[in-house]
Protein backbone atom coordinates (compact mmCIF):
# COMPACT_ATOMS: atom_id res chain seq x y z
CA MET A 1 36.84 -93.68 35.28
CA THR A 2 34.45 -90.81 36.13
CA THR A 3 35.69 -87.31 36.56
CA PHE A 4 33.83 -84.54 38.52
CA ASP A 5 34.21 -80.80 37.65
CA PHE A 6 33.84 -79.11 40.99
CA GLY A 7 34.26 -75.60 39.49
CA SER A 8 31.20 -75.93 37.22
CA THR A 9 29.18 -77.33 40.05
CA THR A 10 29.89 -74.36 42.22
CA ARG A 11 29.08 -71.90 39.36
CA ARG A 12 25.57 -73.21 38.64
CA PRO A 13 23.83 -71.82 41.73
CA ALA A 14 25.41 -68.45 41.14
CA GLU A 15 24.31 -68.40 37.52
CA ARG A 16 20.85 -69.50 38.50
CA TRP A 17 20.53 -66.73 41.12
CA ALA A 18 21.87 -64.21 38.66
CA SER A 19 19.25 -65.33 36.13
CA PHE A 20 16.59 -65.06 38.77
CA GLY A 21 17.78 -61.61 39.64
CA ILE A 22 17.75 -60.45 36.01
CA ILE A 23 14.24 -61.81 35.49
CA GLY A 24 13.05 -60.15 38.73
CA ALA A 25 14.67 -56.91 37.83
CA ALA A 26 13.04 -57.08 34.43
CA ILE A 27 9.69 -57.74 35.98
CA LEU A 28 10.14 -54.98 38.51
CA LEU A 29 11.23 -52.61 35.76
CA GLY A 30 8.17 -53.54 33.71
CA ILE A 31 5.94 -52.94 36.67
CA VAL A 32 7.53 -49.57 37.26
CA VAL A 33 7.27 -48.68 33.55
CA LEU A 34 3.66 -49.77 33.50
CA SER A 35 2.88 -47.82 36.67
CA ARG A 36 4.62 -44.74 35.37
CA SER A 37 2.91 -44.95 31.97
CA ASP A 38 -0.45 -45.18 33.79
CA HIS A 39 0.22 -42.39 36.27
CA HIS A 40 2.37 -40.25 33.97
CA PRO A 41 0.71 -40.60 30.59
CA ARG A 42 2.96 -39.90 27.62
CA THR A 43 2.33 -39.52 23.92
CA ASP A 44 4.25 -38.54 20.86
CA ASP A 45 1.06 -37.97 18.91
CA ALA A 46 0.99 -34.24 19.58
CA GLU A 47 1.35 -31.02 17.69
CA VAL A 48 1.82 -27.39 18.61
CA PHE A 49 -1.34 -25.30 18.04
CA ALA A 50 -2.39 -21.66 18.55
CA ASN A 51 -5.52 -19.67 17.91
CA LEU A 52 -5.63 -17.85 14.59
CA ILE A 53 -7.98 -15.48 12.84
CA GLY A 54 -8.41 -14.32 9.30
CA ILE A 55 -8.06 -10.52 8.93
CA ALA A 56 -11.06 -9.47 6.85
CA PRO A 57 -11.89 -5.73 6.46
CA GLN A 58 -15.29 -4.32 7.36
CA VAL A 59 -15.19 -1.86 4.47
CA GLU A 60 -14.04 -2.34 0.89
CA GLY A 61 -11.62 -0.49 -1.20
CA HIS A 62 -8.04 -0.42 -2.44
CA ILE A 63 -5.31 -0.95 0.11
CA VAL A 64 -3.23 2.18 -0.17
CA ASP A 65 -0.72 1.44 2.57
CA LEU A 66 0.43 -2.09 3.64
CA ARG A 67 2.45 -1.84 6.84
CA VAL A 68 3.34 -5.51 7.42
CA HIS A 69 5.04 -8.35 5.62
CA ASP A 70 4.73 -12.14 5.84
CA ASN A 71 5.80 -13.84 9.10
CA GLN A 72 6.15 -10.50 10.90
CA PHE A 73 5.47 -10.21 14.60
CA VAL A 74 3.12 -7.37 15.43
CA ARG A 75 2.02 -5.83 18.69
CA LYS A 76 -1.54 -5.26 19.77
CA GLY A 77 -2.79 -1.96 18.27
CA GLU A 78 -0.14 -1.83 15.54
CA LEU A 79 -1.39 -0.62 12.16
CA LEU A 80 -1.62 -3.40 9.60
CA PHE A 81 -2.92 -1.68 6.47
CA ILE A 82 -5.00 1.24 5.32
CA ILE A 83 -7.95 1.10 2.89
CA ASP A 84 -8.51 4.20 0.73
CA PRO A 85 -10.53 6.45 3.15
CA ARG A 86 -11.62 9.08 0.71
CA PRO A 87 -15.04 7.65 -0.26
CA TYR A 88 -15.89 7.15 3.36
CA GLN A 89 -14.70 10.69 4.28
CA TYR A 90 -16.98 12.03 1.58
CA ALA A 91 -19.84 9.91 2.92
CA LEU A 92 -19.26 11.30 6.39
CA GLU A 93 -19.26 14.88 5.08
CA ARG A 94 -22.53 14.20 3.20
CA ALA A 95 -24.11 12.84 6.34
CA GLU A 96 -23.00 15.81 8.41
CA SER A 97 -24.21 18.21 5.72
CA SER A 98 -27.56 16.44 5.66
CA GLN A 99 -27.83 16.76 9.43
CA SER A 100 -26.94 20.49 9.22
CA ALA A 101 -29.55 21.00 6.55
CA LEU A 102 -32.14 19.25 8.70
CA GLU A 103 -31.29 21.44 11.68
CA GLY A 104 -31.61 24.54 9.48
CA GLN A 105 -34.97 23.36 8.24
CA ILE A 106 -36.10 22.75 11.82
CA SER A 107 -35.01 26.30 12.76
CA ASP A 108 -36.96 27.78 9.80
CA GLU A 109 -40.03 25.75 10.69
CA GLN A 110 -39.76 26.90 14.30
CA ARG A 111 -39.82 30.54 13.16
CA LYS A 112 -42.75 29.83 10.89
CA ILE A 113 -44.61 28.15 13.73
CA ALA A 114 -43.87 31.08 16.03
CA ALA A 115 -45.38 33.44 13.42
CA GLU A 116 -48.33 31.21 12.87
CA VAL A 117 -48.93 31.01 16.61
CA SER A 118 -48.77 34.78 16.77
CA GLU A 119 -51.37 34.87 13.98
CA VAL A 120 -53.53 32.57 16.03
CA SER A 121 -53.22 34.96 19.01
CA VAL A 122 -54.08 37.94 16.81
CA ALA A 123 -57.06 36.05 15.41
CA SER A 124 -58.20 35.18 18.90
CA ALA A 125 -57.89 38.85 19.90
CA GLY A 126 -59.90 39.81 16.79
CA ILE A 127 -62.65 37.38 17.93
CA ASP A 128 -62.75 39.05 21.32
CA THR A 129 -62.93 42.53 19.74
CA ALA A 130 -65.67 41.46 17.26
CA GLN A 131 -67.60 39.86 20.13
CA ALA A 132 -67.39 43.04 22.11
CA ASP A 133 -68.53 45.07 19.03
CA LEU A 134 -71.43 42.68 18.56
CA SER A 135 -72.43 43.09 22.18
CA HIS A 136 -72.15 46.84 21.85
CA TRP A 137 -74.40 46.94 18.80
CA GLU A 138 -76.88 44.60 20.48
CA ALA A 139 -77.17 47.14 23.26
CA ALA A 140 -77.41 49.94 20.69
CA ILE A 141 -80.32 48.16 18.97
CA ASP A 142 -82.09 47.90 22.31
CA GLN A 143 -81.49 51.56 22.96
CA SER A 144 -82.72 52.50 19.45
CA GLN A 145 -85.87 50.46 19.94
CA ALA A 146 -86.40 52.26 23.27
CA ASP A 147 -85.88 55.62 21.59
CA ILE A 148 -88.39 54.67 18.85
CA SER A 149 -90.93 53.66 21.50
CA ASN A 150 -90.39 56.98 23.33
CA ALA A 151 -90.65 58.91 20.04
CA GLU A 152 -93.85 57.16 19.12
CA GLN A 153 -95.34 57.96 22.45
CA GLY A 154 -94.25 61.58 21.99
CA VAL A 155 -95.82 61.69 18.54
CA ALA A 156 -99.08 60.28 19.83
CA LYS A 157 -99.14 62.77 22.71
CA THR A 158 -98.23 65.71 20.52
CA ARG A 159 -100.79 64.69 17.85
CA ALA A 160 -103.47 64.53 20.52
CA GLU A 161 -102.54 68.00 21.78
CA TRP A 162 -102.51 69.32 18.19
CA LEU A 163 -105.90 67.82 17.45
CA TYR A 164 -107.29 69.42 20.57
CA ALA A 165 -105.84 72.80 19.63
CA HIS A 166 -106.95 72.40 16.00
CA ASN A 167 -110.51 71.48 17.03
CA ASN A 168 -110.63 74.30 19.53
CA LEU A 169 -109.54 76.81 16.85
CA ASN A 170 -112.18 75.51 14.44
CA ARG A 171 -114.76 75.77 17.19
CA ILE A 172 -114.09 79.36 18.34
CA GLU A 173 -113.36 80.94 14.95
CA PRO A 174 -117.09 81.04 13.93
CA LEU A 175 -117.89 82.48 17.31
CA LEU A 176 -115.73 85.57 16.53
CA GLU A 177 -118.30 86.88 14.01
CA LYS A 178 -120.99 86.52 16.60
CA GLN A 179 -118.64 88.18 19.06
CA PHE A 180 -119.01 85.32 21.53
CA VAL A 181 -115.23 85.27 21.76
CA THR A 182 -112.63 87.92 21.42
CA VAL A 183 -110.02 88.34 18.76
CA ASP A 184 -107.37 87.76 21.36
CA GLN A 185 -108.83 84.40 22.29
CA VAL A 186 -108.90 83.43 18.68
CA ASP A 187 -105.28 84.55 18.18
CA ARG A 188 -104.19 82.58 21.24
CA ALA A 189 -106.01 79.46 19.94
CA ARG A 190 -104.45 79.88 16.47
CA SER A 191 -100.98 80.32 18.02
CA LEU A 192 -101.45 77.27 20.21
CA GLU A 193 -102.62 75.25 17.26
CA GLN A 194 -99.61 76.34 15.21
CA ALA A 195 -97.28 75.55 18.10
CA GLN A 196 -98.84 72.11 18.54
CA ALA A 197 -98.54 71.48 14.81
CA GLN A 198 -94.87 72.43 14.92
CA GLY A 199 -94.35 70.19 17.96
CA LEU A 200 -96.03 67.35 16.10
CA LYS A 201 -93.72 67.79 13.21
CA GLN A 202 -90.72 67.77 15.54
CA ALA A 203 -91.96 64.64 17.31
CA GLU A 204 -92.55 62.93 13.95
CA SER A 205 -89.06 64.03 12.91
CA GLN A 206 -87.59 62.54 16.09
CA LEU A 207 -89.47 59.35 15.36
CA LEU A 208 -88.06 59.19 11.89
CA VAL A 209 -84.56 59.83 13.32
CA ALA A 210 -85.05 57.09 15.88
CA GLN A 211 -86.23 54.66 13.17
CA ALA A 212 -83.27 55.58 10.95
CA GLN A 213 -80.95 55.11 13.94
CA LEU A 214 -82.44 51.68 14.52
CA LYS A 215 -81.82 50.70 10.88
CA SER A 216 -78.26 51.98 11.11
CA THR A 217 -77.71 50.17 14.40
CA ARG A 218 -79.05 46.98 12.92
CA ALA A 219 -76.73 47.38 9.94
CA GLN A 220 -73.80 47.89 12.34
CA TYR A 221 -74.85 44.80 14.29
CA GLN A 222 -74.99 42.71 11.11
CA GLN A 223 -71.54 44.02 10.17
CA ALA A 224 -70.23 43.16 13.64
CA ALA A 225 -71.79 39.65 13.35
CA ALA A 226 -70.09 39.24 9.95
CA THR A 227 -66.79 40.50 11.39
CA LEU A 228 -67.09 37.97 14.27
CA ALA A 229 -67.75 35.14 11.86
CA GLU A 230 -64.75 36.23 9.75
CA SER A 231 -62.55 36.48 12.88
CA ARG A 232 -63.59 33.00 13.92
CA ALA A 233 -62.88 31.62 10.43
CA ARG A 234 -59.49 33.32 10.42
CA HIS A 235 -58.70 31.89 13.86
CA GLU A 236 -59.67 28.39 12.79
CA GLN A 237 -57.61 28.70 9.63
CA ALA A 238 -54.63 30.02 11.61
CA GLU A 239 -54.90 27.06 14.03
CA HIS A 240 -54.99 24.56 11.11
CA SER A 241 -52.09 26.20 9.34
CA VAL A 242 -49.83 25.86 12.41
CA LEU A 243 -47.13 23.39 11.42
CA THR A 244 -45.67 20.65 13.56
CA LEU A 245 -41.99 19.80 14.00
CA GLU A 246 -42.62 16.11 14.79
CA PRO A 247 -41.87 14.79 11.23
CA LEU A 248 -38.64 16.78 11.08
CA VAL A 249 -37.58 16.01 14.67
CA ASN A 250 -38.17 12.29 13.99
CA GLN A 251 -35.56 12.51 11.19
CA ARG A 252 -32.87 13.49 13.73
CA GLY A 253 -32.36 9.86 14.74
CA ASP A 254 -31.85 8.77 11.11
CA ARG A 255 -29.38 11.60 10.43
CA SER A 256 -27.46 10.82 13.63
CA ALA A 257 -27.29 7.10 12.76
CA GLU A 258 -26.07 7.96 9.22
CA ILE A 259 -23.27 10.05 10.74
CA LYS A 260 -22.28 7.30 13.16
CA THR A 261 -22.32 4.70 10.38
CA ALA A 262 -20.21 6.92 8.09
CA ARG A 263 -17.75 7.64 10.91
CA TYR A 264 -17.60 3.94 11.80
CA ASN A 265 -16.86 3.01 8.13
CA LEU A 266 -14.22 5.72 7.98
CA ASP A 267 -12.52 4.43 11.18
CA ASN A 268 -12.50 0.94 9.76
CA CYS A 269 -10.29 2.06 6.89
CA TRP A 270 -7.41 1.79 9.35
CA VAL A 271 -7.03 -1.90 10.35
CA TYR A 272 -5.06 -2.60 13.50
CA ALA A 273 -3.78 -5.79 15.13
CA PRO A 274 -6.33 -6.99 17.80
CA PHE A 275 -3.58 -8.73 19.82
CA ASP A 276 0.09 -9.72 19.75
CA ALA A 277 0.27 -11.86 16.69
CA ILE A 278 2.31 -13.24 13.83
CA VAL A 279 1.34 -12.37 10.26
CA THR A 280 1.13 -15.36 7.97
CA ASN A 281 -0.23 -16.27 4.58
CA LEU A 282 0.31 -12.73 3.29
CA THR A 283 0.02 -12.87 -0.51
CA ILE A 284 -1.11 -9.33 -1.38
CA ALA A 285 0.54 -5.99 -2.05
CA GLU A 286 -0.50 -2.36 -2.01
CA GLY A 287 -3.23 -1.71 -4.52
CA HIS A 288 -5.11 -4.89 -3.76
CA TYR A 289 -8.84 -4.42 -3.67
CA ALA A 290 -10.16 -5.60 -0.35
CA HIS A 291 -13.74 -6.86 -0.07
CA VAL A 292 -15.94 -6.77 3.01
CA GLY A 293 -15.63 -10.07 4.96
CA GLN A 294 -13.04 -11.50 2.56
CA GLN A 295 -9.89 -12.66 4.26
CA VAL A 296 -6.70 -10.74 3.36
CA PHE A 297 -4.22 -12.68 5.51
CA THR A 298 -4.02 -14.64 8.71
CA LEU A 299 -2.90 -13.63 12.24
CA ILE A 300 -1.59 -16.29 14.62
CA ASP A 301 -2.39 -15.38 18.27
CA ALA A 302 1.08 -15.29 19.83
CA ARG A 303 -0.18 -14.78 23.33
CA THR A 304 -1.03 -18.43 24.02
CA TRP A 305 0.33 -21.67 22.61
CA TRP A 306 -0.89 -25.20 23.17
CA ALA A 307 0.37 -28.69 22.59
CA LEU A 308 -2.60 -30.62 21.27
CA ALA A 309 -1.82 -34.15 22.42
CA ASN A 310 -3.86 -37.27 21.58
CA PHE A 311 -4.01 -39.71 24.50
CA ARG A 312 -5.54 -43.19 24.57
CA GLU A 313 -8.86 -43.45 26.22
CA GLY A 314 -7.42 -45.70 28.98
CA GLN A 315 -5.07 -42.88 30.01
CA LEU A 316 -7.70 -40.15 30.38
CA HIS A 317 -8.69 -41.05 33.94
CA HIS A 318 -5.18 -40.06 35.06
CA ILE A 319 -5.36 -36.62 33.33
CA ARG A 320 -7.09 -33.63 34.89
CA PRO A 321 -7.18 -29.91 34.03
CA GLY A 322 -4.54 -28.04 36.01
CA MET A 323 -1.94 -30.88 35.98
CA HIS A 324 1.65 -30.08 35.04
CA ALA A 325 2.99 -31.42 31.82
CA VAL A 326 6.39 -31.56 30.16
CA VAL A 327 6.57 -30.91 26.43
CA TYR A 328 9.44 -31.64 24.01
CA LEU A 329 9.52 -30.29 20.53
CA MET A 330 11.15 -32.15 17.66
CA SER A 331 12.71 -28.91 16.49
CA ARG A 332 14.40 -28.59 19.99
CA PRO A 333 14.64 -32.10 21.36
CA SER A 334 17.10 -31.18 24.11
CA GLU A 335 14.97 -28.32 25.47
CA ARG A 336 12.17 -28.92 28.02
CA PHE A 337 9.03 -26.83 27.98
CA HIS A 338 6.55 -26.68 30.81
CA GLY A 339 2.86 -26.58 30.43
CA VAL A 340 -0.49 -26.98 32.19
CA VAL A 341 -3.36 -29.19 31.12
CA ASP A 342 -6.16 -26.82 30.05
CA SER A 343 -8.84 -29.30 29.04
CA VAL A 344 -9.51 -32.88 28.12
CA GLY A 345 -11.53 -33.66 25.01
CA TYR A 346 -15.01 -35.16 25.39
CA GLY A 347 -15.69 -36.37 21.93
CA VAL A 348 -14.19 -37.54 18.64
CA THR A 349 -15.84 -38.59 15.42
CA PRO A 350 -17.15 -42.16 15.72
CA ASP A 351 -15.52 -44.79 13.51
CA PRO A 352 -18.03 -45.63 10.76
CA ASP A 353 -16.37 -49.08 10.39
CA VAL A 354 -17.34 -49.93 13.96
CA ILE A 355 -20.75 -48.34 14.62
CA GLY A 356 -21.86 -47.42 11.13
CA ARG A 357 -23.26 -44.07 10.01
CA PHE A 358 -26.06 -42.09 11.58
CA GLU A 359 -28.46 -41.13 8.85
CA GLN A 360 -32.19 -40.86 8.35
CA GLY A 361 -33.98 -44.19 8.78
CA LEU A 362 -32.22 -47.08 10.46
CA PRO A 363 -28.60 -47.04 11.70
CA ASP A 364 -26.11 -48.37 9.18
CA VAL A 365 -24.17 -50.91 11.24
CA GLN A 366 -21.23 -52.53 9.50
CA ARG A 367 -21.17 -56.37 9.62
CA THR A 368 -17.47 -56.79 10.33
CA LEU A 369 -15.52 -58.71 12.87
CA ASN A 370 -12.50 -56.99 14.28
CA TRP A 371 -10.18 -59.25 16.14
CA VAL A 372 -8.07 -56.35 17.40
CA HIS A 373 -9.86 -53.28 18.86
CA LEU A 374 -7.72 -50.17 18.84
CA ALA A 375 -8.14 -47.72 21.70
CA ALA A 376 -9.65 -44.38 20.74
CA ARG A 377 -7.58 -41.30 21.22
CA TYR A 378 -8.92 -38.02 22.72
CA PRO A 379 -7.31 -34.63 22.31
CA VAL A 380 -5.83 -33.07 25.46
CA ARG A 381 -4.96 -29.36 25.30
CA VAL A 382 -1.78 -28.45 27.19
CA ARG A 383 -1.01 -24.74 27.51
CA LEU A 384 2.70 -23.92 27.22
CA GLU A 385 4.03 -21.61 29.91
CA ASN A 386 5.89 -18.62 28.42
CA PRO A 387 7.50 -20.27 25.42
CA PRO A 388 10.07 -18.18 23.50
CA ALA A 389 8.49 -16.39 20.59
CA ASP A 390 10.87 -17.99 18.07
CA ALA A 391 10.65 -21.54 19.52
CA VAL A 392 7.11 -22.56 18.59
CA ARG A 393 5.23 -22.90 15.32
CA ILE A 394 1.83 -24.23 14.54
CA GLY A 395 1.95 -27.86 13.44
CA GLU A 396 5.30 -28.70 15.12
CA THR A 397 5.61 -32.28 16.33
CA ALA A 398 5.69 -32.61 20.08
CA VAL A 399 6.03 -35.24 22.84
CA VAL A 400 3.85 -34.60 25.84
CA THR A 401 4.17 -36.21 29.30
CA VAL A 402 1.64 -35.43 32.04
CA ASP A 403 3.24 -35.45 35.52
CA GLY A 404 0.03 -35.93 37.38
CA HIS A 405 0.91 -33.34 40.00
């Protein structure tokens, strides 16, 4: 006898529809998850990152005052440490003293130059005076030559008159015995002859005086010419001896640069924080000798923090700079941090197992067959918006979700 279970028969359609519903819900949920993962990319391959710099002094010396300690938060402009400033203070004083000495030397040379220029002016005036004297004695020579010419003419005239009177006396004296002439006529002729002889002597004396005057004038002229030549030589020597300030003035730039360099080095003995930062990796104490360019400790830039998230290459087309992002830190899993996508990476190091190595010669392509190709990951930088100063640290593990808005 066959028995029918009507209850199980009625339950089968309901179970079947429930199964279909569960399967459909699972499919719908998978579609939603896939859509959300595409349009809201998420990754747990992320770390907190911040800019950092190594504090390296620009001058060397012993650190005489260390104002910070490890992991201390410092404000922009806060003094970090002081390098012994005494050598640089001395260098600045030497540079300033050298500049003062140069300025004093320039002042001395200016006074010397003024005196030498005055000597040039005096020598020039001496040339003018000597030239005037030379012209004067040239005119005096001409006058003496004219006087000699006049004296010679006077001598010739007086000699002719004396010869006439002398001949006349010699002619009439014999006639006195014969009484052809009177004694008075002879006396007058003798007196005239004597007067003419005296006049001839005077004329000859004047000629000698004129000739002597000409010699004296010529001597004065030669002396004036020598004086003129000497004045010109003195003037030329004075001009050549005038110094120039150009070599000294050109040193002003070097002295000024030395002072600026010394003052710059002195100012760099005091090292200040360039921005709000956190001191880290401080392993020195006061007395440590700091070298130029050698890092003393590290400053973490506390002004801006990023989450450096690595996304698969298939997710990058849904990520754009400016999009909102949500960041969770492993140290604070229940606290949500907001951020903004700053940039999307455009390059990573190629995998040598896939494309080989780029070297000189031919490419080194690996002969391998990979059945599973893993998607490359590119870094996306997400800037955190106003995170608490004590909430973030470099290297913290983070989970980043890009909203896409």
